[in-house]
Each structure stands twice: as C-alpha cells, then as structure tokens.
C-alpha cells in the first residue's frame, strides 16, 4: 500500500505526524519507505541518468578510438606512400598539393564511413525511440551535429599525417627507391 499526502509545509517534517496517525488507526500496520516526491523523482530518474552517463562515456571512448584509428591508418598510408610523395615533390608538387592529396584521400574514406553510419543510425533509432525524451528518433539537428563532429575529428586525424607528408625530403625518399 502507498499513502500520498499533500502538504503546505516542509514534506520531510510531516513524516512523523503521518506515521503517528497511521499507527493510531492500526498499531500493527508497518510504516516504512517514507519519501518526499522530490526523493521519489530523484530515485526514478537515477537509472536513466546513469544510463545516459554511461552512453556518453561509451560515445566519447568510441570517438577517441575512431580518431586514433583514422590517424593510424592515415599515418600508415603516408608511410607507405613516402616514395610517391617524394617523387611528386621532386617533380614540382608544392607542400599544399601534397597536403590536399593526403587529406582528400582520408576524408573521402571518412565521408563514406559517415554515410554508412548515418544509414545504420536511421534504422537503429527506431529501436531506441523509447529511450529518447523530447527528441525525435531522426532529429536532424542531432544528426547534423554528430556528423559535423565526426568529420571534424576525421579532418584533424588526417591533417596530422598529411602535415608530416609535406616535410618529406625528395632526395631521402628517392634514395630508398
């Protein structure tokens, strides 16, 4: 059984008098679990808050792992193409041309990944619709911000190896050939 009482005074101060009134009616009736409505709300929201905090932590870890992965793949690709980049620079390519080449290569892969991720997200959000509050499953602002954030992370992860590629000395690169 649950008893709910509305009061104009501090709710916590009413626990004792309410307990006394219940015991006056039935001395064998146990009275336990006395909470204010703010406490009930806090308890019910705690589970959702914890779940959302965990999803936020997992999303952050996933973003960090994705950026490390993109950086690693791009750094490996630049290392593998050192001779090609050296030849291009020996033939007159400017550092900006090499930078554009490497970043465009990495960003094209990132765009393909984002498009595939968006397609999967539109399908999966139907399953998560009950967890979303005040947001539609296909909220365009959310999808736009996440897409922009992922592409920005990919751009930074591509830029660092690309910047290193612009510093390739053509003579050193050709010497290894």
C-alpha atoms as a PDB file:
ATOM      1  CA  UNK A   1       0.000   0.000   0.000  1.00  0.00           C
ATOM      2  CA  UNK A   2       1.052   3.535  -0.658  1.00  0.00           C
ATOM      3  CA  UNK A   3      -0.063   6.664   1.133  1.00  0.00           C
ATOM      4  CA  UNK A   4       0.427  10.026  -0.528  1.00  0.00           C
ATOM      5  CA  UNK A   5      -0.101  13.220   1.425  1.00  0.00           C
ATOM      6  CA  UNK A   6      -0.146  16.771   0.162  1.00  0.00           C
ATOM      7  CA  UNK A   7       1.127  19.438   2.499  1.00  0.00           C
ATOM      8  CA  UNK A   8       1.888  23.134   2.545  1.00  0.00           C
ATOM      9  CA  UNK A   9       4.790  22.764   4.981  1.00  0.00           C
ATOM     10  CA  UNK A  10       8.160  21.065   4.547  1.00  0.00           C
ATOM     11  CA  UNK A  11       7.325  17.487   3.392  1.00  0.00           C
ATOM     12  CA  UNK A  12      10.099  15.873   5.450  1.00  0.00           C
ATOM     13  CA  UNK A  13       8.687  17.315   8.663  1.00  0.00           C
ATOM     14  CA  UNK A  14       5.341  15.571   8.067  1.00  0.00           C
ATOM     15  CA  UNK A  15       6.737  12.013   8.180  1.00  0.00           C
ATOM     16  CA  UNK A  16       6.452  11.738  11.988  1.00  0.00           C
ATOM     17  CA  UNK A  17       2.871  13.035  12.309  1.00  0.00           C
ATOM     18  CA  UNK A  18       1.673  10.887   9.397  1.00  0.00           C
ATOM     19  CA  UNK A  19       3.316   7.821  10.924  1.00  0.00           C
ATOM     20  CA  UNK A  20       1.579   8.577  14.251  1.00  0.00           C
ATOM     21  CA  UNK A  21      -1.822   8.894  12.538  1.00  0.00           C
ATOM     22  CA  UNK A  22      -1.378   5.576  10.688  1.00  0.00           C
ATOM     23  CA  UNK A  23      -0.384   3.840  13.937  1.00  0.00           C
ATOM     24  CA  UNK A  24      -3.365   5.426  15.702  1.00  0.00           C
ATOM     25  CA  UNK A  25      -5.680   3.780  13.145  1.00  0.00           C
ATOM     26  CA  UNK A  26      -3.866   0.410  13.086  1.00  0.00           C
ATOM     27  CA  UNK A  27      -0.997  -0.182  15.520  1.00  0.00           C
ATOM     28  CA  UNK A  28       0.120  -3.317  13.603  1.00  0.00           C
ATOM     29  CA  UNK A  29       0.425  -1.503  10.273  1.00  0.00           C
ATOM     30  CA  UNK A  30       4.115  -1.072   9.384  1.00  0.00           C
ATOM     31  CA  UNK A  31       5.170   2.331   8.088  1.00  0.00           C
ATOM     32  CA  UNK A  32       8.371   2.286   6.078  1.00  0.00           C
ATOM     33  CA  UNK A  33       9.894   3.813   2.985  1.00  0.00           C
ATOM     34  CA  UNK A  34       8.790   7.377   3.709  1.00  0.00           C
ATOM     35  CA  UNK A  35       9.931   9.622   0.852  1.00  0.00           C
ATOM     36  CA  UNK A  36       9.149  13.089  -0.382  1.00  0.00           C
ATOM     37  CA  UNK A  37       8.062  13.455  -4.008  1.00  0.00           C
ATOM     38  CA  UNK A  38      11.425  15.037  -4.821  1.00  0.00           C
ATOM     39  CA  UNK A  39      13.158  11.929  -3.453  1.00  0.00           C
ATOM     40  CA  UNK A  40      10.836   9.616  -5.432  1.00  0.00           C
ATOM     41  CA  UNK A  41      11.548  11.590  -8.601  1.00  0.00           C
ATOM     42  CA  UNK A  42      15.292  11.527  -7.947  1.00  0.00           C
ATOM     43  CA  UNK A  43      15.248   7.749  -7.409  1.00  0.00           C
ATOM     44  CA  UNK A  44      13.252   7.134 -10.592  1.00  0.00           C
ATOM     45  CA  UNK A  45      15.472   9.399 -12.687  1.00  0.00           C
ATOM     46  CA  UNK A  46      18.734   7.960 -11.329  1.00  0.00           C
ATOM     47  CA  UNK A  47      18.559   4.867 -13.502  1.00  0.00           C
ATOM     48  CA  UNK A  48      18.050   6.929 -16.660  1.00  0.00           C
ATOM     49  CA  UNK A  49      20.736   9.407 -15.640  1.00  0.00           C
ATOM     50  CA  UNK A  50      23.220   6.601 -15.055  1.00  0.00           C
ATOM     51  CA  UNK A  51      22.325   5.021 -18.397  1.00  0.00           C
ATOM     52  CA  UNK A  52      22.769   8.291 -20.249  1.00  0.00           C
ATOM     53  CA  UNK A  53      26.061   8.970 -18.484  1.00  0.00           C
ATOM     54  CA  UNK A  54      27.307   5.519 -19.500  1.00  0.00           C
ATOM     55  CA  UNK A  55      26.180   6.085 -23.098  1.00  0.00           C
ATOM     56  CA  UNK A  56      28.020   9.410 -23.078  1.00  0.00           C
ATOM     57  CA  UNK A  57      31.192   7.776 -21.761  1.00  0.00           C
ATOM     58  CA  UNK A  58      30.974   4.978 -24.333  1.00  0.00           C
ATOM     59  CA  UNK A  59      30.342   7.516 -27.104  1.00  0.00           C
ATOM     60  CA  UNK A  60      33.408   9.507 -26.036  1.00  0.00           C
ATOM     61  CA  UNK A  61      35.569   6.376 -25.922  1.00  0.00           C
ATOM     62  CA  UNK A  62      34.244   5.372 -29.361  1.00  0.00           C
ATOM     63  CA  UNK A  63      35.100   8.814 -30.749  1.00  0.00           C
ATOM     64  CA  UNK A  64      38.617   8.663 -29.299  1.00  0.00           C
ATOM     65  CA  UNK A  65      39.144   5.143 -30.671  1.00  0.00           C
ATOM     66  CA  UNK A  66      37.816   6.192 -34.078  1.00  0.00           C
ATOM     67  CA  UNK A  67      40.137   9.195 -34.223  1.00  0.00           C
ATOM     68  CA  UNK A  68      43.117   7.065 -33.176  1.00  0.00           C
ATOM     69  CA  UNK A  69      42.157   4.516 -35.833  1.00  0.00           C
ATOM     70  CA  UNK A  70      41.833   7.134 -38.560  1.00  0.00           C
ATOM     71  CA  UNK A  71      45.131   8.677 -37.518  1.00  0.00           C
ATOM     72  CA  UNK A  72      46.837   5.270 -37.533  1.00  0.00           C
ATOM     73  CA  UNK A  73      45.506   4.337 -40.963  1.00  0.00           C
ATOM     74  CA  UNK A  74      46.474   7.704 -42.424  1.00  0.00           C
ATOM     75  CA  UNK A  75      49.925   7.626 -40.830  1.00  0.00           C
ATOM     76  CA  UNK A  76      50.460   4.132 -42.258  1.00  0.00           C
ATOM     77  CA  UNK A  77      49.233   5.241 -45.699  1.00  0.00           C
ATOM     78  CA  UNK A  78      51.598   8.212 -45.662  1.00  0.00           C
ATOM     79  CA  UNK A  79      54.482   5.962 -44.638  1.00  0.00           C
ATOM     80  CA  UNK A  80      53.673   3.542 -47.448  1.00  0.00           C
ATOM     81  CA  UNK A  81      53.491   6.396 -49.966  1.00  0.00           C
ATOM     82  CA  UNK A  82      56.683   8.147 -48.897  1.00  0.00           C
ATOM     83  CA  UNK A  83      58.440   7.385 -52.193  1.00  0.00           C
ATOM     84  CA  UNK A  84      55.419   8.505 -54.217  1.00  0.00           C
ATOM     85  CA  UNK A  85      55.179  11.732 -52.238  1.00  0.00           C
ATOM     86  CA  UNK A  86      58.936  12.258 -52.654  1.00  0.00           C
ATOM     87  CA  UNK A  87      58.643  11.785 -56.424  1.00  0.00           C
ATOM     88  CA  UNK A  88      55.716  14.181 -56.601  1.00  0.00           C
ATOM     89  CA  UNK A  89      57.682  16.791 -54.657  1.00  0.00           C
ATOM     90  CA  UNK A  90      60.773  16.204 -56.821  1.00  0.00           C
ATOM     91  CA  UNK A  91      58.641  16.796 -59.911  1.00  0.00           C
ATOM     92  CA  UNK A  92      57.425  20.116 -58.534  1.00  0.00           C
ATOM     93  CA  UNK A  93      54.455  19.433 -56.310  1.00  0.00           C
ATOM     94  CA  UNK A  94      54.101  22.022 -53.608  1.00  0.00           C
ATOM     95  CA  UNK A  95      53.557  21.180 -49.955  1.00  0.00           C
ATOM     96  CA  UNK A  96      49.959  22.399 -50.242  1.00  0.00           C
ATOM     97  CA  UNK A  97      49.342  19.954 -53.131  1.00  0.00           C
ATOM     98  CA  UNK A  98      50.623  17.034 -51.049  1.00  0.00           C
ATOM     99  CA  UNK A  99      48.589  18.190 -48.074  1.00  0.00           C
ATOM    100  CA  UNK A 100      45.431  18.326 -50.218  1.00  0.00           C
ATOM    101  CA  UNK A 101      46.167  14.891 -51.692  1.00  0.00           C
ATOM    102  CA  UNK A 102      46.571  13.141 -48.354  1.00  0.00           C
ATOM    103  CA  UNK A 103      43.680  14.935 -46.624  1.00  0.00           C
ATOM    104  CA  UNK A 104      41.347  14.339 -49.587  1.00  0.00           C
ATOM    105  CA  UNK A 105      42.232  10.650 -49.570  1.00  0.00           C
ATOM    106  CA  UNK A 106      41.489  10.304 -45.849  1.00  0.00           C
ATOM    107  CA  UNK A 107      38.386  12.464 -45.910  1.00  0.00           C
ATOM    108  CA  UNK A 108      36.879  10.506 -48.800  1.00  0.00           C
ATOM    109  CA  UNK A 109      37.103   7.376 -46.633  1.00  0.00           C
ATOM    110  CA  UNK A 110      35.664   9.270 -43.671  1.00  0.00           C
ATOM    111  CA  UNK A 111      32.723  10.541 -45.732  1.00  0.00           C
ATOM    112  CA  UNK A 112      31.960   7.005 -46.919  1.00  0.00           C
ATOM    113  CA  UNK A 113      32.050   5.833 -43.298  1.00  0.00           C
ATOM    114  CA  UNK A 114      29.799   8.672 -42.128  1.00  0.00           C
ATOM    115  CA  UNK A 115      27.262   7.931 -44.870  1.00  0.00           C
ATOM    116  CA  UNK A 116      27.211   4.249 -43.911  1.00  0.00           C
ATOM    117  CA  UNK A 117      26.899   5.226 -40.236  1.00  0.00           C
ATOM    118  CA  UNK A 118      24.012   7.590 -40.948  1.00  0.00           C
ATOM    119  CA  UNK A 119      22.173   4.895 -42.860  1.00  0.00           C
ATOM    120  CA  UNK A 120      22.619   2.473 -39.970  1.00  0.00           C
ATOM    121  CA  UNK A 121      21.652   5.121 -37.423  1.00  0.00           C
ATOM    122  CA  UNK A 122      18.372   5.912 -39.137  1.00  0.00           C
ATOM    123  CA  UNK A 123      17.490   2.222 -38.901  1.00  0.00           C
ATOM    124  CA  UNK A 124      18.654   1.668 -35.316  1.00  0.00           C
ATOM    125  CA  UNK A 125      16.990   4.764 -33.841  1.00  0.00           C
ATOM    126  CA  UNK A 126      13.600   3.091 -34.260  1.00  0.00           C
ATOM    127  CA  UNK A 127      14.683   0.569 -31.622  1.00  0.00           C
ATOM    128  CA  UNK A 128      15.824   3.318 -29.246  1.00  0.00           C
ATOM    129  CA  UNK A 129      12.743   5.546 -29.614  1.00  0.00           C
ATOM    130  CA  UNK A 130      11.506   4.687 -26.104  1.00  0.00           C
ATOM    131  CA  UNK A 131      14.753   5.970 -24.560  1.00  0.00           C
ATOM    132  CA  UNK A 132      14.550   9.398 -26.189  1.00  0.00           C
ATOM    133  CA  UNK A 133      12.833  12.276 -24.374  1.00  0.00           C
ATOM    134  CA  UNK A 134      11.839  15.463 -26.204  1.00  0.00           C
ATOM    135  CA  UNK A 135      13.846  14.349 -29.239  1.00  0.00           C
ATOM    136  CA  UNK A 136      12.522  12.558 -32.283  1.00  0.00           C
ATOM    137  CA  UNK A 137      14.414   9.421 -33.365  1.00  0.00           C
ATOM    138  CA  UNK A 138      15.514  11.199 -36.553  1.00  0.00           C
ATOM    139  CA  UNK A 139      16.282  14.635 -35.124  1.00  0.00           C
ATOM    140  CA  UNK A 140      18.085  16.451 -37.927  1.00  0.00           C
ATOM    141  CA  UNK A 141      19.982  18.813 -35.622  1.00  0.00           C
ATOM    142  CA  UNK A 142      21.417  15.912 -33.634  1.00  0.00           C
ATOM    143  CA  UNK A 143      22.410  14.018 -36.766  1.00  0.00           C
ATOM    144  CA  UNK A 144      23.946  17.173 -38.285  1.00  0.00           C
ATOM    145  CA  UNK A 145      25.982  17.980 -35.160  1.00  0.00           C
ATOM    146  CA  UNK A 146      27.243  14.419 -34.766  1.00  0.00           C
ATOM    147  CA  UNK A 147      28.131  14.214 -38.463  1.00  0.00           C
ATOM    148  CA  UNK A 148      29.961  17.528 -38.347  1.00  0.00           C
ATOM    149  CA  UNK A 149      31.796  16.475 -35.188  1.00  0.00           C
ATOM    150  CA  UNK A 150      32.899  13.153 -36.688  1.00  0.00           C
ATOM    151  CA  UNK A 151      34.051  14.830 -39.888  1.00  0.00           C
ATOM    152  CA  UNK A 152      35.975  17.415 -37.870  1.00  0.00           C
ATOM    153  CA  UNK A 153      37.699  14.670 -35.862  1.00  0.00           C
ATOM    154  CA  UNK A 154      38.499  12.850 -39.123  1.00  0.00           C
ATOM    155  CA  UNK A 155      39.890  16.057 -40.617  1.00  0.00           C
ATOM    156  CA  UNK A 156      42.228  16.584 -37.666  1.00  0.00           C
ATOM    157  CA  UNK A 157      43.246  12.908 -37.718  1.00  0.00           C
ATOM    158  CA  UNK A 158      44.036  13.207 -41.458  1.00  0.00           C
ATOM    159  CA  UNK A 159      45.741  16.575 -41.203  1.00  0.00           C
ATOM    160  CA  UNK A 160      48.491  15.475 -38.814  1.00  0.00           C
ATOM    161  CA  UNK A 161      49.938  12.745 -41.093  1.00  0.00           C
ATOM    162  CA  UNK A 162      49.337  14.980 -44.126  1.00  0.00           C
ATOM    163  CA  UNK A 163      51.353  17.743 -42.489  1.00  0.00           C
ATOM    164  CA  UNK A 164      54.131  15.240 -41.856  1.00  0.00           C
ATOM    165  CA  UNK A 165      53.974  14.181 -45.515  1.00  0.00           C
ATOM    166  CA  UNK A 166      54.679  17.750 -46.638  1.00  0.00           C
ATOM    167  CA  UNK A 167      58.011  17.587 -44.822  1.00  0.00           C
ATOM    168  CA  UNK A 168      59.261  14.602 -46.877  1.00  0.00           C
ATOM    169  CA  UNK A 169      62.639  15.377 -48.419  1.00  0.00           C
ATOM    170  CA  UNK A 170      62.537  14.235 -52.063  1.00  0.00           C
ATOM    171  CA  UNK A 171      66.193  13.164 -52.018  1.00  0.00           C
ATOM    172  CA  UNK A 172      65.737  10.971 -48.945  1.00  0.00           C
ATOM    173  CA  UNK A 173      62.542   9.451 -50.358  1.00  0.00           C
ATOM    174  CA  UNK A 174      64.182   8.704 -53.715  1.00  0.00           C
ATOM    175  CA  UNK A 175      67.281   7.293 -52.072  1.00  0.00           C
ATOM    176  CA  UNK A 176      65.193   4.475 -50.561  1.00  0.00           C
ATOM    177  CA  UNK A 177      63.920   3.632 -54.057  1.00  0.00           C
END
